Amino acid sequence: MELTQEFSDSPFDVVISSLAFYYIKSFEAICKKVYDCLKPEGSFVFSVEHPIFTSRNEQDWYYDDQGNRLHWAFDHYQSEGLRKTTFLTENVVIYHRTFSTYINDLINAGFSIRTVKEPVPSDEMLKNIPEMKDELRRPMFLIISAEK
């Protein structure tokens, strides 16, 4: 996916993206483009799958012989780049990057980091959906808020 969209001379107050940037090869290019189209003190808020979640092609738990979840493995964390995985369908192409790449690409584009969150299920979700308890065992998402 290329970043070819051109915007008018009227900058934006906020840019929001949800679970999209790991499908694009260059997060650095995204950061520069977003920075350029924001007003001074404009906000950039986005979510991605957590880098621990995207480090391996196999985005699944390790199970014992009885089907119990043993642990979430991650490997090749520092090896950024293309991953082919299965998520809702086969042959999904994503681009893994480290936590530090997300932060440093934002800083290098000129952003100040305001908030970083690794959300967990709510108490209500934990109470009503038993398998949600395993979501406390590893981060699945990363949410970052930055300011121009």
Protein backbone atom coordinates (compact mmCIF):
# COMPACT_ATOMS: atom_id res chain seq x y z
CA MET A 1 0.00 0.00 0.00
CA GLU A 2 1.45 3.38 -0.98
CA LEU A 3 0.89 6.71 0.72
CA THR A 4 -0.09 8.77 -2.31
CA GLN A 5 -3.11 10.68 -0.97
CA GLU A 6 -2.59 14.44 -1.11
CA PHE A 7 -4.52 16.71 1.24
CA SER A 8 -5.56 20.34 0.96
CA ASP A 9 -3.62 23.15 2.58
CA SER A 10 -6.01 23.03 5.55
CA PRO A 11 -4.27 20.89 8.16
CA PHE A 12 -6.14 18.48 10.42
CA ASP A 13 -6.68 18.74 14.19
CA VAL A 14 -6.45 14.99 14.68
CA VAL A 15 -5.52 11.86 12.74
CA ILE A 16 -6.85 8.53 14.06
CA SER A 17 -6.06 5.04 12.82
CA SER A 18 -7.24 1.72 14.19
CA LEU A 19 -5.38 -1.54 13.49
CA ALA A 20 -4.08 -0.60 10.04
CA PHE A 21 -0.40 0.37 10.14
CA TYR A 22 1.07 -3.13 10.28
CA TYR A 23 -0.28 -3.64 6.76
CA ILE A 24 1.94 -0.80 5.47
CA LYS A 25 5.65 -1.35 4.91
CA SER A 26 7.01 1.99 6.16
CA PHE A 27 5.76 3.38 9.45
CA GLU A 28 8.39 6.12 9.13
CA ALA A 29 6.66 7.40 5.96
CA ILE A 30 3.29 7.36 7.73
CA CYS A 31 4.66 9.41 10.60
CA LYS A 32 6.12 12.05 8.28
CA LYS A 33 2.93 12.26 6.23
CA VAL A 34 0.71 12.56 9.29
CA TYR A 35 3.00 15.15 10.87
CA ASP A 36 2.84 17.25 7.72
CA CYS A 37 -0.95 17.22 7.57
CA LEU A 38 -1.55 18.12 11.24
CA LYS A 39 -2.02 21.59 12.67
CA PRO A 40 0.43 22.68 15.38
CA GLU A 41 -0.46 20.79 18.59
CA GLY A 42 -2.55 18.39 16.49
CA SER A 43 -3.03 14.85 17.75
CA PHE A 44 -2.10 11.53 16.19
CA VAL A 45 -3.77 8.55 17.87
CA PHE A 46 -3.46 5.00 16.60
CA SER A 47 -3.68 1.37 17.56
CA VAL A 48 -1.78 -1.62 16.21
CA GLU A 49 -1.38 -5.24 17.16
CA HIS A 50 1.30 -5.32 19.83
CA PRO A 51 4.80 -6.17 18.54
CA ILE A 52 4.89 -9.18 20.87
CA PHE A 53 1.78 -10.41 19.07
CA THR A 54 3.22 -9.85 15.56
CA SER A 55 6.75 -11.15 16.12
CA ARG A 56 5.96 -14.67 14.87
CA ASN A 57 4.08 -15.80 11.78
CA GLU A 58 2.04 -18.11 14.01
CA GLN A 59 -0.19 -15.83 16.04
CA ASP A 60 -1.45 -18.44 18.47
CA TRP A 61 -0.84 -19.94 21.88
CA TYR A 62 1.20 -23.04 22.61
CA TYR A 63 -1.10 -25.81 23.88
CA ASP A 64 -0.55 -28.96 25.90
CA ASP A 65 -1.87 -32.39 24.89
CA GLN A 66 -5.24 -31.61 26.51
CA GLY A 67 -5.65 -28.34 24.60
CA ASN A 68 -4.81 -26.05 27.53
CA ARG A 69 -3.02 -22.82 26.71
CA LEU A 70 0.52 -23.08 28.04
CA HIS A 71 2.09 -19.80 26.94
CA TRP A 72 2.35 -17.22 24.18
CA ALA A 73 5.65 -17.56 22.39
CA PHE A 74 7.38 -14.79 20.58
CA ASP A 75 10.49 -15.09 18.52
CA HIS A 76 12.50 -13.07 16.03
CA TYR A 77 11.25 -9.93 17.77
CA GLN A 78 14.18 -7.79 16.58
CA SER A 79 13.83 -8.98 12.97
CA GLU A 80 11.50 -6.36 11.56
CA GLY A 81 9.71 -6.76 8.29
CA LEU A 82 7.24 -8.86 6.40
CA ARG A 83 5.31 -11.64 8.10
CA LYS A 84 2.79 -13.96 6.46
CA THR A 85 0.16 -15.13 8.89
CA THR A 86 -3.40 -16.36 9.17
CA PHE A 87 -5.89 -13.97 10.72
CA LEU A 88 -9.55 -14.37 9.72
CA THR A 89 -8.20 -15.68 6.42
CA GLU A 90 -5.03 -17.31 5.12
CA ASN A 91 -1.99 -15.51 3.67
CA VAL A 92 -2.34 -12.22 5.50
CA VAL A 93 0.72 -10.01 4.96
CA ILE A 94 1.74 -7.74 7.82
CA TYR A 95 4.90 -5.83 8.70
CA HIS A 96 6.30 -6.48 12.14
CA ARG A 97 8.19 -3.68 13.84
CA THR A 98 9.47 -3.33 17.38
CA PHE A 99 8.01 -1.15 20.09
CA SER A 100 11.07 1.10 19.86
CA THR A 101 10.56 1.57 16.11
CA TYR A 102 7.02 2.83 16.68
CA ILE A 103 8.25 5.28 19.33
CA ASN A 104 11.43 6.41 17.52
CA ASP A 105 9.72 6.89 14.14
CA LEU A 106 7.21 9.18 15.87
CA ILE A 107 9.96 11.13 17.66
CA ASN A 108 12.09 11.40 14.50
CA ALA A 109 9.10 12.81 12.60
CA GLY A 110 8.80 15.54 15.24
CA PHE A 111 6.05 14.17 17.48
CA SER A 112 5.94 14.24 21.26
CA ILE A 113 4.59 11.07 22.84
CA ARG A 114 1.60 11.81 25.09
CA THR A 115 0.34 8.36 26.10
CA VAL A 116 1.18 4.73 25.48
CA LYS A 117 -1.35 2.03 26.45
CA GLU A 118 -1.30 -1.74 26.32
CA PRO A 119 -5.00 -2.31 27.01
CA VAL A 120 -6.44 -5.26 28.89
CA PRO A 121 -9.98 -6.61 28.96
CA SER A 122 -12.43 -4.81 31.22
CA ASP A 123 -13.63 -6.41 34.47
CA GLU A 124 -16.98 -7.03 32.79
CA MET A 125 -15.32 -8.86 29.88
CA LEU A 126 -13.22 -10.93 32.28
CA LYS A 127 -16.34 -11.85 34.23
CA ASN A 128 -18.57 -12.71 31.24
CA ILE A 129 -16.11 -14.23 28.76
CA PRO A 130 -13.94 -16.87 30.49
CA GLU A 131 -11.27 -17.07 27.76
CA MET A 132 -10.58 -13.33 28.21
CA LYS A 133 -8.50 -14.14 31.32
CA ASP A 134 -5.73 -15.30 28.99
CA GLU A 135 -5.62 -11.80 27.48
CA LEU A 136 -3.96 -10.71 30.73
CA ARG A 137 -1.03 -13.02 29.98
CA ARG A 138 0.38 -11.05 27.04
CA PRO A 139 -0.33 -7.74 25.35
CA MET A 140 -2.39 -7.97 22.18
CA PHE A 141 -2.75 -4.29 21.29
CA LEU A 142 -0.73 -1.11 21.52
CA ILE A 143 -2.32 2.36 21.53
CA ILE A 144 -0.18 5.48 21.15
CA SER A 145 -1.17 9.12 21.34
CA ALA A 146 1.32 11.69 20.04
CA GLU A 147 1.21 15.44 19.51
CA LYS A 148 2.74 17.68 16.86
